[in-house]
Amino acid sequence: MKSRVNLTIEESLLSKAKCYAAENQVSVSELVEDYFKQLTKPKRKSNIFEMVKQLDIKEKFTDIQDFKKAYYEDNAAKYGF
């Protein structure tokens, strides 16, 4: 269900937004809605170790230290450190 909302925006900014919307063949309402969707979307975890925890992998690590140790040992073997 869609709802109406009133926004107060500087005229010059609204003019630019309308031009942008016209060039991209969308409405200003669609621009605002898309922005709100991006704004309220859950943030992805940027920590690589947290992301790895979520992967379905053969070898399960009991904690993050096990993963870090394996990571560094693997790189040491690859690069001869």
C-alpha atoms as a PDB file:
ATOM      1  CA  MET A   1       0.000   0.000   0.000  1.00  0.00           C
ATOM      2  CA  LYS A   2       1.334   3.406  -0.914  1.00  0.00           C
ATOM      3  CA  SER A   3       0.975   6.472   1.306  1.00  0.00           C
ATOM      4  CA  ARG A   4       1.322  10.128   0.521  1.00  0.00           C
ATOM      5  CA  VAL A   5       3.905  12.298   2.238  1.00  0.00           C
ATOM      6  CA  ASN A   6       4.604  16.025   2.076  1.00  0.00           C
ATOM      7  CA  LEU A   7       8.230  17.084   1.883  1.00  0.00           C
ATOM      8  CA  THR A   8       9.713  20.523   2.200  1.00  0.00           C
ATOM      9  CA  ILE A   9      12.689  20.870  -0.143  1.00  0.00           C
ATOM     10  CA  GLU A  10      14.633  23.847  -1.439  1.00  0.00           C
ATOM     11  CA  GLU A  11      13.278  24.863  -4.842  1.00  0.00           C
ATOM     12  CA  SER A  12      16.668  24.630  -6.520  1.00  0.00           C
ATOM     13  CA  LEU A  13      17.184  21.092  -5.207  1.00  0.00           C
ATOM     14  CA  LEU A  14      13.696  20.032  -6.270  1.00  0.00           C
ATOM     15  CA  SER A  15      14.354  21.431  -9.734  1.00  0.00           C
ATOM     16  CA  LYS A  16      17.560  19.398  -9.998  1.00  0.00           C
ATOM     17  CA  ALA A  17      15.774  16.297  -8.711  1.00  0.00           C
ATOM     18  CA  LYS A  18      13.023  16.703 -11.302  1.00  0.00           C
ATOM     19  CA  CYS A  19      15.601  17.073 -14.093  1.00  0.00           C
ATOM     20  CA  TYR A  20      17.445  13.987 -12.866  1.00  0.00           C
ATOM     21  CA  ALA A  21      14.187  12.030 -12.651  1.00  0.00           C
ATOM     22  CA  ALA A  22      13.173  13.065 -16.166  1.00  0.00           C
ATOM     23  CA  GLU A  23      16.565  12.112 -17.597  1.00  0.00           C
ATOM     24  CA  ASN A  24      16.298   8.688 -15.942  1.00  0.00           C
ATOM     25  CA  GLN A  25      12.604   8.249 -16.804  1.00  0.00           C
ATOM     26  CA  VAL A  26      11.465   7.871 -13.198  1.00  0.00           C
ATOM     27  CA  SER A  27       9.349  10.005 -10.910  1.00  0.00           C
ATOM     28  CA  VAL A  28      10.643  12.044  -7.997  1.00  0.00           C
ATOM     29  CA  SER A  29       8.514   9.792  -5.788  1.00  0.00           C
ATOM     30  CA  GLU A  30      10.407   6.756  -7.097  1.00  0.00           C
ATOM     31  CA  LEU A  31      13.712   8.478  -6.360  1.00  0.00           C
ATOM     32  CA  VAL A  32      12.659   9.208  -2.790  1.00  0.00           C
ATOM     33  CA  GLU A  33      11.260   5.701  -2.293  1.00  0.00           C
ATOM     34  CA  ASP A  34      14.446   4.099  -3.641  1.00  0.00           C
ATOM     35  CA  TYR A  35      16.535   6.305  -1.366  1.00  0.00           C
ATOM     36  CA  PHE A  36      14.462   5.324   1.664  1.00  0.00           C
ATOM     37  CA  LYS A  37      14.819   1.648   0.732  1.00  0.00           C
ATOM     38  CA  GLN A  38      18.601   2.017   0.622  1.00  0.00           C
ATOM     39  CA  LEU A  39      18.595   3.997   3.844  1.00  0.00           C
ATOM     40  CA  THR A  40      16.572   1.396   5.769  1.00  0.00           C
ATOM     41  CA  LYS A  41      18.132  -1.726   4.262  1.00  0.00           C
ATOM     42  CA  PRO A  42      20.008  -3.863   6.822  1.00  0.00           C
ATOM     43  CA  LYS A  43      23.727  -3.229   6.674  1.00  0.00           C
ATOM     44  CA  ARG A  44      25.977  -6.001   5.438  1.00  0.00           C
ATOM     45  CA  LYS A  45      28.662  -7.134   7.763  1.00  0.00           C
ATOM     46  CA  SER A  46      31.894  -5.764   6.390  1.00  0.00           C
ATOM     47  CA  ASN A  47      34.114  -7.789   8.710  1.00  0.00           C
ATOM     48  CA  ILE A  48      35.541 -10.643   6.613  1.00  0.00           C
ATOM     49  CA  PHE A  49      35.767 -12.942   9.609  1.00  0.00           C
ATOM     50  CA  GLU A  50      32.063 -12.470  10.403  1.00  0.00           C
ATOM     51  CA  MET A  51      31.177 -13.176   6.772  1.00  0.00           C
ATOM     52  CA  VAL A  52      33.253 -16.367   6.755  1.00  0.00           C
ATOM     53  CA  LYS A  53      31.427 -17.583   9.855  1.00  0.00           C
ATOM     54  CA  GLN A  54      28.215 -17.537   7.825  1.00  0.00           C
ATOM     55  CA  LEU A  55      29.605 -19.647   4.971  1.00  0.00           C
ATOM     56  CA  ASP A  56      28.814 -23.334   4.609  1.00  0.00           C
ATOM     57  CA  ILE A  57      32.343 -24.758   4.602  1.00  0.00           C
ATOM     58  CA  LYS A  58      33.673 -28.292   5.117  1.00  0.00           C
ATOM     59  CA  GLU A  59      36.000 -27.434   7.950  1.00  0.00           C
ATOM     60  CA  LYS A  60      34.267 -25.684  10.835  1.00  0.00           C
ATOM     61  CA  PHE A  61      36.314 -23.470  13.100  1.00  0.00           C
ATOM     62  CA  THR A  62      35.423 -23.408  16.776  1.00  0.00           C
ATOM     63  CA  ASP A  63      36.176 -19.731  17.126  1.00  0.00           C
ATOM     64  CA  ILE A  64      37.579 -16.803  15.198  1.00  0.00           C
ATOM     65  CA  GLN A  65      41.120 -17.433  16.441  1.00  0.00           C
ATOM     66  CA  ASP A  66      41.132 -20.864  14.761  1.00  0.00           C
ATOM     67  CA  PHE A  67      40.136 -19.245  11.480  1.00  0.00           C
ATOM     68  CA  LYS A  68      42.757 -16.498  11.767  1.00  0.00           C
ATOM     69  CA  LYS A  69      45.461 -19.047  12.553  1.00  0.00           C
ATOM     70  CA  ALA A  70      44.487 -21.222   9.568  1.00  0.00           C
ATOM     71  CA  TYR A  71      44.347 -18.160   7.319  1.00  0.00           C
ATOM     72  CA  TYR A  72      47.844 -17.006   8.249  1.00  0.00           C
ATOM     73  CA  GLU A  73      49.293 -20.523   8.104  1.00  0.00           C
ATOM     74  CA  ASP A  74      47.820 -21.007   4.625  1.00  0.00           C
ATOM     75  CA  ASN A  75      49.268 -17.720   3.382  1.00  0.00           C
ATOM     76  CA  ALA A  76      52.636 -18.520   4.921  1.00  0.00           C
ATOM     77  CA  ALA A  77      52.678 -21.823   3.024  1.00  0.00           C
ATOM     78  CA  LYS A  78      51.651 -20.158  -0.238  1.00  0.00           C
ATOM     79  CA  TYR A  79      54.136 -17.316  -0.076  1.00  0.00           C
ATOM     80  CA  GLY A  80      56.967 -19.004   1.788  1.00  0.00           C
ATOM     81  CA  PHE A  81      56.895 -16.926   4.958  1.00  0.00           C
END
